[in-house]
Amino acid sequence: MIEFVLVVLASFLAAIVFTPLVRRMAHRYGIVDRPDPTRKLHGRTVARAGGVAVLMAVLVACSGALLRFNTGLLNLDITPYLGLFTVMIGVMLLGLADDIWTLRGRQKLLGQFVLAMVLIFTGFRIGHVQIFGMNFELGLLAIPTTLVWLLATTNALNLIDGSDGLCSSLGAVISAALGVIAAMNGHFAEASIAFALCGALLGFLVFNFPPASIFLGDSGSLLIGMITGALAIRCSIKGPAAVAFLAPLAILSIPLLDSSMAILRRKLTGRSIYTTDRAHLHHSLKDRGLGDRGLVLIVILMAIITATGAIAGQILGRDWLALIGTGVVFGMLVFTRAFGHAELVLIGRRASSFLRSLTEPAVKTDQIVHHKAVRLQGSRQWETIWNTLVEFAEAEQLCKLHMDLNVPWLHEGFHGSWQRSRQLDRLERWSTCLPMFADGQIVGRVEVTGPATDGSTLAVVGKLLELLEDLTPQVQSILAGDADSLQPAVALQVALGE
């Protein structure tokens, strides 16, 4: 309808006006993103806090829509909308605080929790879920389900904000799709807010498209995630307050898949979920040779495919179409090994280990050894280092060996696991975790477990320390791309004292 077109246009023009002002203020007060050698690899200082401009544009457009058009808002219970706009301001301020002072992860999560609860108790709650035409009453699970959904969408958009124009363009597609579905379901107030966000992000994208002169910052990415998560609940309500869950899930599938794979990757390799790595979707696509602009266009295309499936499912009453769109996109990424392949390998191997444990005899022998290694990212020859450590583990009769390498500034990641089928009781074994260094930086860790034999434990740990020290120049050679200089056999002999 023409009203929605005007809302998009109004928020677009407002963002065009507000963004340069916010950019100027950000530079003036030092709210900028500076490059560093490990995480932020852009080569210049860029203003952030772009979420301030986006929020101002959304508020202006929504205010204009309320005054000018009959969106039905005045005839509805305004509590949910007051809650939504309050939370929009709150989450922007939370992100702005992080942009200025760099909050701890738990502090941001606590703030998100409080804001999500405000949304839940002002009307944004998933009480009934509709899947394939069947309605499910969540009952006591309604609040925790809604809370998990809001936190997931908020952080998913935050995690994917790692390249110029990526989060703003993806957010524009997501909000536009939510606006279409809201209008189809007769939720015109929610549609107006969604289209206002779409227009604001398109206006901001003028300055954020590669090469960006201003970043969204957490003030923007958290804002987009929280708004789209909340709107997804209201936009897709059908019948007696039942949320047609597959449609919003498909629309938000790209950032949700990215964050889910990140969590799985880190948990299955023993890392903290807050660990920095460069194996997100945008990093993986860049490793395929895409530039910043090509990356944005590819992600937009994928988002359009998933959104089209969701909208088609709503129009035709075929929820499975939403899953097809998402499946096509994820299947293409995995098939081409552009993203998600390593994580699926980790899941598959963990599942096979579990199934194998159900069939192996209760009395296990030291002769059965499970050995697996997965390249998480990059192309350097980490297998050479890994094989050296495996030889050490076999020679010293260790019980378990894990090596996890994470070099985000070079887009390199590798994980290896070796262990005997028979594991000793806790009192009968020792374990230690040691860092791996290169050029004065920690690039990974080695975790080993061995039998607690009197008189030999300290000797084995000493040999391991010698081995890791001897491997340091070889690790540096791999990082420098000089694989020909590796001499793992010599290093192993030195470490073993041969």
Protein backbone atom coordinates (compact mmCIF):
# COMPACT_ATOMS: atom_id res chain seq x y z
CA MET A 1 0.00 0.00 0.00
CA ILE A 2 1.01 3.60 -0.58
CA GLU A 3 1.17 4.29 3.15
CA PHE A 4 3.96 1.75 3.60
CA VAL A 5 5.89 3.14 0.64
CA LEU A 6 5.73 6.59 2.23
CA VAL A 7 6.89 5.17 5.57
CA VAL A 8 9.92 3.61 3.88
CA LEU A 9 10.65 6.86 2.04
CA ALA A 10 10.30 8.97 5.21
CA SER A 11 12.65 6.78 7.24
CA PHE A 12 15.09 6.58 4.34
CA LEU A 13 15.31 10.38 4.06
CA ALA A 14 15.52 10.76 7.84
CA ALA A 15 18.47 8.36 7.93
CA ILE A 16 20.15 10.29 5.12
CA VAL A 17 19.91 13.40 7.29
CA PHE A 18 20.77 11.89 10.69
CA THR A 19 23.65 9.59 9.73
CA PRO A 20 26.20 12.30 8.78
CA LEU A 21 25.34 14.15 11.99
CA VAL A 22 25.89 11.04 14.11
CA ARG A 23 29.12 10.30 12.22
CA ARG A 24 30.44 13.76 12.96
CA MET A 25 29.55 13.49 16.65
CA ALA A 26 31.12 10.01 16.87
CA HIS A 27 34.45 11.32 15.55
CA ARG A 28 34.25 14.32 17.82
CA TYR A 29 33.78 12.26 20.99
CA GLY A 30 36.02 9.37 19.99
CA ILE A 31 33.28 6.78 19.43
CA VAL A 32 35.25 5.11 16.68
CA ASP A 33 36.40 1.66 15.62
CA ARG A 34 40.17 1.38 15.32
CA PRO A 35 41.88 -1.52 13.55
CA ASP A 36 43.82 -4.10 15.54
CA PRO A 37 45.98 -7.02 14.36
CA THR A 38 43.63 -9.82 15.43
CA ARG A 39 39.94 -8.88 15.21
CA LYS A 40 39.31 -5.61 13.39
CA LEU A 41 41.25 -5.79 10.20
CA HIS A 42 39.94 -2.66 8.46
CA GLY A 43 42.81 -0.33 7.73
CA ARG A 44 41.31 2.92 8.98
CA THR A 45 39.53 4.49 11.92
CA VAL A 46 35.78 4.49 11.32
CA ALA A 47 32.97 6.10 13.29
CA ARG A 48 30.50 3.75 14.92
CA ALA A 49 27.27 4.16 16.92
CA GLY A 50 25.28 4.19 13.68
CA GLY A 51 22.38 2.67 15.59
CA VAL A 52 21.64 6.14 16.96
CA ALA A 53 20.87 7.41 13.46
CA VAL A 54 18.84 4.31 12.60
CA LEU A 55 16.69 4.61 15.72
CA MET A 56 16.08 8.33 15.18
CA ALA A 57 14.97 7.66 11.62
CA VAL A 58 12.61 4.88 12.74
CA LEU A 59 11.07 7.05 15.44
CA VAL A 60 10.54 9.95 13.02
CA ALA A 61 8.91 7.73 10.41
CA CYS A 62 6.68 5.96 12.95
CA SER A 63 5.62 9.27 14.47
CA GLY A 64 4.74 10.58 11.03
CA ALA A 65 2.77 7.42 10.23
CA LEU A 66 0.84 7.72 13.49
CA LEU A 67 -0.10 11.33 12.78
CA ARG A 68 -0.78 10.99 9.07
CA PHE A 69 -2.15 7.54 8.32
CA ASN A 70 -4.83 5.35 9.79
CA THR A 71 -2.62 2.46 10.76
CA GLY A 72 -5.09 1.23 13.35
CA LEU A 73 -2.69 1.94 16.18
CA LEU A 74 -5.11 4.27 17.97
CA ASN A 75 -7.73 1.55 18.00
CA LEU A 76 -5.46 -1.03 19.58
CA ASP A 77 -4.04 -1.67 23.00
CA ILE A 78 -0.99 0.60 22.98
CA THR A 79 0.84 -1.29 25.74
CA PRO A 80 2.84 -3.53 23.37
CA TYR A 81 3.90 -0.56 21.26
CA LEU A 82 4.94 1.51 24.26
CA GLY A 83 6.93 -1.50 25.42
CA LEU A 84 8.53 -1.95 22.00
CA PHE A 85 9.59 1.69 21.64
CA THR A 86 10.88 1.73 25.22
CA VAL A 87 12.96 -1.35 24.50
CA MET A 88 14.19 0.10 21.20
CA ILE A 89 15.60 3.09 23.07
CA GLY A 90 16.94 0.87 25.85
CA VAL A 91 18.75 -1.59 23.59
CA MET A 92 20.23 1.25 21.55
CA LEU A 93 21.59 2.82 24.74
CA LEU A 94 22.95 -0.56 25.85
CA GLY A 95 24.76 -0.96 22.54
CA LEU A 96 25.95 2.64 22.64
CA ALA A 97 27.46 2.02 26.06
CA ASP A 98 29.34 -0.91 24.58
CA ASP A 99 30.47 1.21 21.63
CA ILE A 100 31.88 3.79 24.04
CA TRP A 101 33.21 1.73 26.97
CA THR A 102 33.30 -1.89 25.68
CA LEU A 103 31.08 -3.81 28.09
CA ARG A 104 31.72 -7.38 29.18
CA GLY A 105 29.66 -10.10 27.51
CA ARG A 106 27.76 -10.92 30.69
CA GLN A 107 26.90 -7.24 31.20
CA LYS A 108 25.39 -6.99 27.72
CA LEU A 109 23.55 -10.25 28.22
CA LEU A 110 22.07 -9.03 31.50
CA GLY A 111 20.87 -5.84 29.80
CA GLN A 112 19.35 -7.86 26.95
CA PHE A 113 17.63 -10.13 29.46
CA VAL A 114 15.99 -7.18 31.22
CA LEU A 115 14.84 -5.61 27.96
CA ALA A 116 13.53 -8.92 26.64
CA MET A 117 11.49 -9.38 29.80
CA VAL A 118 9.98 -5.91 29.26
CA LEU A 119 8.87 -7.03 25.81
CA ILE A 120 7.47 -10.29 27.14
CA PHE A 121 5.37 -8.60 29.83
CA THR A 122 4.06 -5.94 27.45
CA GLY A 123 2.60 -8.40 24.98
CA PHE A 124 5.43 -9.96 22.95
CA ARG A 125 5.02 -13.56 23.99
CA ILE A 126 5.00 -16.85 22.08
CA GLY A 127 2.09 -18.60 23.79
CA HIS A 128 0.88 -20.73 20.88
CA VAL A 129 3.00 -22.05 18.02
CA GLN A 130 1.58 -23.08 14.68
CA ILE A 131 3.65 -25.54 12.65
CA PHE A 132 2.32 -27.30 9.54
CA GLY A 133 -1.20 -26.24 10.47
CA MET A 134 -1.00 -27.72 13.97
CA ASN A 135 -1.28 -25.53 17.06
CA PHE A 136 0.85 -26.20 20.12
CA GLU A 137 0.11 -24.62 23.50
CA LEU A 138 3.40 -23.74 25.23
CA GLY A 139 1.92 -23.05 28.64
CA LEU A 140 4.69 -22.58 31.22
CA LEU A 141 7.28 -22.71 28.42
CA ALA A 142 5.92 -19.55 26.81
CA ILE A 143 8.15 -17.11 28.70
CA PRO A 144 11.44 -19.07 28.46
CA THR A 145 10.77 -19.83 24.77
CA THR A 146 10.15 -16.18 23.99
CA LEU A 147 13.19 -15.14 26.02
CA VAL A 148 15.46 -17.56 24.16
CA TRP A 149 14.06 -16.37 20.82
CA LEU A 150 14.64 -12.68 21.58
CA LEU A 151 18.15 -13.25 22.91
CA ALA A 152 18.97 -15.47 19.93
CA THR A 153 17.87 -12.95 17.31
CA THR A 154 19.51 -10.05 19.14
CA ASN A 155 22.90 -11.73 19.33
CA ALA A 156 22.65 -13.37 15.90
CA LEU A 157 22.49 -9.99 14.19
CA ASN A 158 25.25 -8.74 16.46
CA LEU A 159 27.57 -11.63 15.58
CA ILE A 160 27.06 -11.31 11.83
CA ASP A 161 27.94 -7.61 11.89
CA GLY A 162 31.53 -8.12 10.77
CA SER A 163 31.78 -6.54 7.32
CA ASP A 164 30.89 -3.21 5.78
CA GLY A 165 27.20 -3.00 4.95
CA LEU A 166 26.44 -6.62 5.85
CA CYS A 167 24.22 -6.28 8.92
CA SER A 168 22.41 -3.18 7.64
CA SER A 169 21.60 -4.74 4.24
CA LEU A 170 20.59 -8.06 5.80
CA GLY A 171 18.47 -6.22 8.36
CA ALA A 172 16.75 -4.28 5.57
CA VAL A 173 15.74 -7.50 3.79
CA ILE A 174 14.59 -9.13 7.02
CA SER A 175 12.50 -6.15 8.14
CA ALA A 176 10.97 -5.77 4.66
CA ALA A 177 9.93 -9.43 4.66
CA LEU A 178 8.47 -9.10 8.16
CA GLY A 179 6.59 -6.01 7.01
CA VAL A 180 5.07 -7.91 4.08
CA ILE A 181 3.97 -10.79 6.31
CA ALA A 182 2.55 -8.38 8.91
CA ALA A 183 0.51 -6.59 6.24
CA MET A 184 -0.74 -9.93 4.89
CA ASN A 185 -1.90 -10.93 8.37
CA GLY A 186 -3.58 -7.58 9.00
CA HIS A 187 -1.05 -6.26 11.53
CA PHE A 188 -0.65 -2.83 9.99
CA ALA A 189 0.98 -1.14 12.98
CA GLU A 190 3.72 -3.81 13.09
CA ALA A 191 4.06 -3.53 9.31
CA SER A 192 4.62 0.22 9.62
CA ILE A 193 7.37 -0.28 12.19
CA ALA A 194 9.02 -2.99 10.10
CA PHE A 195 8.97 -0.86 6.95
CA ALA A 196 10.26 2.13 8.93
CA LEU A 197 13.23 0.02 10.03
CA CYS A 198 13.76 -1.13 6.44
CA GLY A 199 13.85 2.43 5.13
CA ALA A 200 16.13 3.60 7.93
CA LEU A 201 18.62 0.82 7.19
CA LEU A 202 18.55 1.56 3.47
CA GLY A 203 19.28 5.21 4.21
CA PHE A 204 22.06 4.25 6.59
CA LEU A 205 23.43 1.85 3.97
CA VAL A 206 24.27 4.83 1.78
CA PHE A 207 27.05 5.60 4.26
CA ASN A 208 27.66 2.02 5.43
CA PHE A 209 28.04 0.34 2.04
CA PRO A 210 31.66 -0.68 1.36
CA PRO A 211 33.86 1.20 1.96
CA ALA A 212 31.88 2.30 5.00
CA SER A 213 32.35 5.72 6.57
CA ILE A 214 30.34 4.71 9.65
CA PHE A 215 29.58 1.38 11.32
CA LEU A 216 26.36 0.30 13.00
CA GLY A 217 28.23 -0.63 16.15
CA ASP A 218 26.48 -2.60 18.86
CA SER A 219 24.01 0.27 19.16
CA GLY A 220 22.79 -0.71 15.70
CA SER A 221 23.26 -4.47 15.48
CA LEU A 222 21.63 -5.14 18.87
CA LEU A 223 18.82 -2.76 17.93
CA ILE A 224 18.12 -4.58 14.65
CA GLY A 225 18.22 -7.98 16.31
CA MET A 226 15.89 -7.06 19.15
CA ILE A 227 13.36 -5.24 16.91
CA THR A 228 13.22 -7.95 14.25
CA GLY A 229 12.92 -10.66 16.90
CA ALA A 230 10.03 -8.83 18.56
CA LEU A 231 8.32 -7.98 15.30
CA ALA A 232 8.66 -11.58 14.11
CA ILE A 233 6.44 -12.62 17.01
CA ARG A 234 3.71 -10.08 16.29
CA CYS A 235 3.90 -10.06 12.49
CA SER A 236 3.33 -13.79 12.13
CA ILE A 237 0.41 -14.15 14.55
CA LYS A 238 -2.50 -16.03 12.99
CA GLY A 239 -5.85 -16.95 14.41
CA PRO A 240 -6.13 -17.04 18.20
CA ALA A 241 -2.71 -15.58 18.99
CA ALA A 242 -0.86 -18.53 17.41
CA VAL A 243 2.56 -17.67 15.97
CA ALA A 244 3.22 -19.27 12.57
CA PHE A 245 6.75 -19.96 13.68
CA LEU A 246 8.36 -21.31 10.50
CA ALA A 247 7.98 -18.04 8.58
CA PRO A 248 9.97 -15.79 10.98
CA LEU A 249 12.42 -18.62 11.56
CA ALA A 250 13.12 -18.77 7.81
CA ILE A 251 13.35 -15.00 7.45
CA LEU A 252 15.94 -14.80 10.24
CA SER A 253 17.61 -18.09 9.28
CA ILE A 254 20.86 -16.64 7.91
CA PRO A 255 21.97 -14.81 11.09
CA LEU A 256 20.58 -17.63 13.24
CA LEU A 257 22.51 -20.25 11.26
CA ASP A 258 25.68 -18.20 11.54
CA SER A 259 25.40 -17.83 15.32
CA SER A 260 24.34 -21.47 15.79
CA MET A 261 27.34 -22.72 13.83
CA ALA A 262 29.62 -20.43 15.86
CA ILE A 263 28.30 -21.83 19.15
CA LEU A 264 28.55 -25.42 17.93
CA ARG A 265 32.04 -24.88 16.57
CA ARG A 266 33.29 -23.44 19.82
CA LYS A 267 31.60 -25.92 22.13
CA LEU A 268 32.64 -28.98 20.12
CA THR A 269 36.26 -27.83 20.08
CA GLY A 270 36.31 -27.00 23.80
CA ARG A 271 36.51 -23.24 23.34
CA SER A 272 34.56 -20.60 25.19
CA ILE A 273 31.52 -19.36 23.26
CA TYR A 274 33.02 -15.87 23.61
CA THR A 275 36.22 -16.92 21.82
CA THR A 276 37.10 -14.79 18.82
CA ASP A 277 37.45 -16.63 15.54
CA ARG A 278 37.18 -15.83 11.87
CA ALA A 279 34.94 -18.66 10.74
CA HIS A 280 31.65 -16.77 10.59
CA LEU A 281 29.67 -16.76 7.36
CA HIS A 282 31.12 -13.48 6.14
CA HIS A 283 34.68 -14.59 6.95
CA SER A 284 34.20 -17.87 5.11
CA LEU A 285 32.77 -16.15 2.03
CA LYS A 286 35.64 -13.68 2.03
CA ASP A 287 38.06 -16.61 2.10
CA ARG A 288 36.43 -17.67 -1.16
CA GLY A 289 37.72 -14.51 -2.77
CA LEU A 290 34.67 -12.26 -2.38
CA GLY A 291 35.28 -8.59 -1.74
CA ASP A 292 33.18 -6.54 0.66
CA ARG A 293 30.64 -5.55 -2.00
CA GLY A 294 30.40 -9.03 -3.47
CA LEU A 295 29.89 -10.43 0.02
CA VAL A 296 27.00 -8.05 0.69
CA LEU A 297 25.33 -8.90 -2.61
CA ILE A 298 25.65 -12.66 -2.06
CA VAL A 299 24.22 -12.46 1.46
CA ILE A 300 21.36 -10.25 0.23
CA LEU A 301 20.59 -12.83 -2.46
CA MET A 302 20.53 -15.62 0.13
CA ALA A 303 18.29 -13.54 2.41
CA ILE A 304 15.90 -12.88 -0.46
CA ILE A 305 15.68 -16.62 -1.18
CA THR A 306 14.82 -17.47 2.43
CA ALA A 307 12.39 -14.53 2.71
CA THR A 308 10.69 -15.50 -0.54
CA GLY A 309 10.17 -19.02 0.74
CA ALA A 310 8.63 -17.69 3.94
CA ILE A 311 6.30 -15.26 2.14
CA ALA A 312 5.30 -17.89 -0.42
CA GLY A 313 4.48 -20.27 2.41
CA GLN A 314 2.23 -17.64 3.98
CA ILE A 315 0.46 -16.84 0.72
CA LEU A 316 -0.12 -20.45 -0.31
CA GLY A 317 -0.64 -21.83 3.18
CA ARG A 318 2.30 -24.18 2.77
CA ASP A 319 4.64 -23.75 5.71
CA TRP A 320 7.13 -26.23 4.28
CA LEU A 321 8.04 -23.71 1.56
CA ALA A 322 9.79 -21.66 4.26
CA LEU A 323 11.94 -24.66 5.14
CA ILE A 324 12.76 -25.31 1.48
CA GLY A 325 14.16 -21.79 1.00
CA THR A 326 16.35 -22.14 4.08
CA GLY A 327 17.38 -25.66 3.12
CA VAL A 328 18.41 -24.58 -0.37
CA VAL A 329 20.62 -21.80 0.94
CA PHE A 330 22.27 -23.85 3.68
CA GLY A 331 22.63 -26.85 1.39
CA MET A 332 24.46 -24.77 -1.21
CA LEU A 333 26.81 -23.37 1.43
CA VAL A 334 27.63 -26.82 2.81
CA PHE A 335 27.90 -28.49 -0.62
CA THR A 336 30.38 -25.88 -1.83
CA ARG A 337 32.14 -26.00 1.56
CA ALA A 338 31.76 -22.26 1.78
CA PHE A 339 30.23 -22.47 5.27
CA GLY A 340 28.98 -25.03 7.74
CA HIS A 341 30.85 -28.07 6.41
CA ALA A 342 33.43 -28.25 9.23
CA GLU A 343 30.74 -27.81 11.86
CA LEU A 344 28.66 -30.65 10.39
CA VAL A 345 31.76 -32.85 10.36
CA LEU A 346 32.29 -32.09 14.06
CA ILE A 347 28.65 -32.91 14.81
CA GLY A 348 28.83 -36.10 12.77
CA ARG A 349 31.96 -37.29 14.52
CA ARG A 350 30.57 -36.51 17.94
CA ALA A 351 27.39 -38.40 17.06
CA SER A 352 29.37 -41.37 15.71
CA SER A 353 31.45 -41.45 18.90
CA PHE A 354 28.28 -41.57 20.96
CA LEU A 355 26.76 -44.33 18.84
CA ARG A 356 30.01 -46.28 18.95
CA SER A 357 30.03 -46.06 22.74
CA LEU A 358 26.67 -47.83 22.75
CA THR A 359 28.06 -50.82 20.87
CA GLU A 360 31.59 -51.16 22.25
CA PRO A 361 32.17 -53.79 24.97
CA ALA A 362 32.21 -52.66 28.56
CA VAL A 363 35.78 -53.90 28.98
CA LYS A 364 37.88 -51.76 26.67
CA THR A 365 41.50 -52.15 25.73
CA ASP A 366 44.25 -49.66 25.13
CA GLN A 367 44.59 -50.97 21.60
CA ILE A 368 41.44 -49.14 20.38
CA VAL A 369 42.29 -45.52 19.53
CA HIS A 370 39.92 -42.89 18.16
CA HIS A 371 41.69 -40.33 16.01
CA LYS A 372 40.08 -37.41 14.18
CA ALA A 373 41.15 -34.02 12.89
CA VAL A 374 39.08 -31.24 11.30
CA ARG A 375 40.26 -28.19 9.40
CA LEU A 376 37.96 -25.45 10.64
CA GLN A 377 39.33 -22.73 8.44
CA GLY A 378 42.26 -21.89 6.19
CA SER A 379 44.62 -24.06 4.15
CA ARG A 380 47.93 -24.24 6.02
CA GLN A 381 49.44 -27.64 6.81
CA TRP A 382 48.61 -28.03 10.50
CA GLU A 383 48.44 -31.81 10.03
CA THR A 384 52.23 -31.88 10.30
CA ILE A 385 52.14 -30.44 13.81
CA TRP A 386 49.21 -32.62 14.76
CA ASN A 387 50.84 -35.84 13.56
CA THR A 388 53.94 -35.01 15.58
CA LEU A 389 51.85 -34.64 18.72
CA VAL A 390 50.02 -37.90 17.99
CA GLU A 391 53.34 -39.73 17.69
CA PHE A 392 54.32 -38.29 21.05
CA ALA A 393 51.03 -39.43 22.61
CA GLU A 394 51.50 -42.95 21.28
CA ALA A 395 55.14 -43.13 22.38
CA GLU A 396 54.34 -41.94 25.91
CA GLN A 397 51.20 -44.08 26.26
CA LEU A 398 48.96 -41.07 26.89
CA CYS A 399 45.21 -41.52 27.34
CA LYS A 400 43.92 -38.45 25.52
CA LEU A 401 45.24 -35.64 23.33
CA HIS A 402 43.48 -32.54 21.98
CA MET A 403 44.97 -29.77 19.88
CA ASP A 404 42.98 -26.66 19.06
CA LEU A 405 44.55 -23.96 16.88
CA ASN A 406 42.81 -20.63 16.38
CA VAL A 407 44.59 -17.88 14.45
CA PRO A 408 41.81 -15.41 13.63
CA TRP A 409 44.05 -12.73 12.12
CA LEU A 410 45.10 -15.24 9.43
CA HIS A 411 41.70 -16.94 9.12
CA GLU A 412 43.18 -20.26 10.29
CA GLY A 413 41.58 -22.87 12.52
CA PHE A 414 42.30 -26.55 13.16
CA HIS A 415 41.09 -29.08 15.73
CA GLY A 416 42.47 -32.55 16.42
CA SER A 417 41.34 -35.20 18.89
CA TRP A 418 43.05 -38.49 19.81
CA GLN A 419 42.11 -40.78 22.64
CA ARG A 420 42.16 -44.38 23.72
CA SER A 421 38.89 -46.20 24.06
CA ARG A 422 39.65 -47.14 27.66
CA GLN A 423 39.78 -44.09 29.93
CA LEU A 424 41.14 -44.28 33.44
CA ASP A 425 39.24 -43.09 36.50
CA ARG A 426 39.86 -39.54 37.61
CA LEU A 427 42.13 -40.57 40.49
CA GLU A 428 44.23 -42.71 38.17
CA ARG A 429 45.06 -40.04 35.62
CA TRP A 430 46.54 -36.57 35.30
CA SER A 431 45.71 -33.86 32.77
CA THR A 432 47.14 -30.53 31.75
CA CYS A 433 46.49 -27.82 29.17
CA LEU A 434 49.40 -25.90 27.65
CA PRO A 435 49.41 -22.94 25.24
CA MET A 436 51.05 -22.90 21.83
CA PHE A 437 52.95 -19.73 20.91
CA ALA A 438 54.11 -18.08 17.72
CA ASP A 439 55.72 -14.66 17.52
CA GLY A 440 54.82 -13.99 21.14
CA GLN A 441 51.11 -14.68 20.63
CA ILE A 442 48.99 -17.62 21.73
CA VAL A 443 47.79 -19.44 18.63
CA GLY A 444 46.31 -22.52 20.24
CA ARG A 445 46.39 -24.98 23.08
CA VAL A 446 47.27 -28.61 23.67
CA GLU A 447 45.37 -30.62 26.26
CA VAL A 448 46.71 -34.01 27.32
CA THR A 449 45.71 -36.73 29.76
CA GLY A 450 47.95 -39.54 30.89
CA PRO A 451 48.16 -42.36 33.43
CA ALA A 452 49.27 -41.21 36.89
CA THR A 453 52.25 -43.54 37.18
CA ASP A 454 54.61 -42.89 40.07
CA GLY A 455 57.80 -41.22 38.95
CA SER A 456 56.90 -40.75 35.28
CA THR A 457 54.25 -38.02 35.23
CA LEU A 458 56.62 -35.07 35.66
CA ALA A 459 59.02 -36.57 33.15
CA VAL A 460 56.27 -36.85 30.53
CA VAL A 461 55.10 -33.28 31.17
CA GLY A 462 58.71 -32.12 30.85
CA LYS A 463 59.04 -33.88 27.50
CA LEU A 464 55.78 -32.31 26.35
CA LEU A 465 57.05 -28.85 27.28
CA GLU A 466 60.24 -29.50 25.32
CA LEU A 467 58.23 -30.70 22.35
CA LEU A 468 55.99 -27.65 22.31
CA GLU A 469 59.01 -25.37 22.61
CA ASP A 470 60.68 -27.19 19.75
CA LEU A 471 57.51 -26.96 17.65
CA THR A 472 57.26 -23.19 18.09
CA PRO A 473 59.51 -22.28 15.13
CA GLN A 474 57.65 -24.80 12.99
CA VAL A 475 54.33 -23.22 13.92
CA GLN A 476 55.80 -19.87 12.98
CA SER A 477 56.95 -21.33 9.66
CA ILE A 478 53.43 -22.53 8.90
CA LEU A 479 51.99 -19.15 9.80
CA ALA A 480 54.53 -17.57 7.47
CA GLY A 481 53.51 -20.00 4.74
CA ASP A 482 56.91 -21.70 4.68
CA ALA A 483 55.85 -25.34 4.91
CA ASP A 484 59.10 -26.63 3.38
CA SER A 485 61.06 -25.73 6.48
CA LEU A 486 59.11 -28.09 8.73
CA GLN A 487 61.01 -30.94 10.35
CA PRO A 488 58.55 -32.61 12.73
CA ALA A 489 60.48 -35.89 13.02
CA VAL A 490 63.59 -34.09 14.21
CA ALA A 491 61.56 -32.08 16.70
CA LEU A 492 60.00 -35.23 18.07
CA GLN A 493 63.35 -36.95 18.48
CA VAL A 494 64.76 -33.96 20.33
CA ALA A 495 61.73 -33.81 22.64
CA LEU A 496 61.99 -37.53 23.40
CA GLY A 497 65.69 -37.23 24.07
CA GLU A 498 66.64 -39.64 21.29
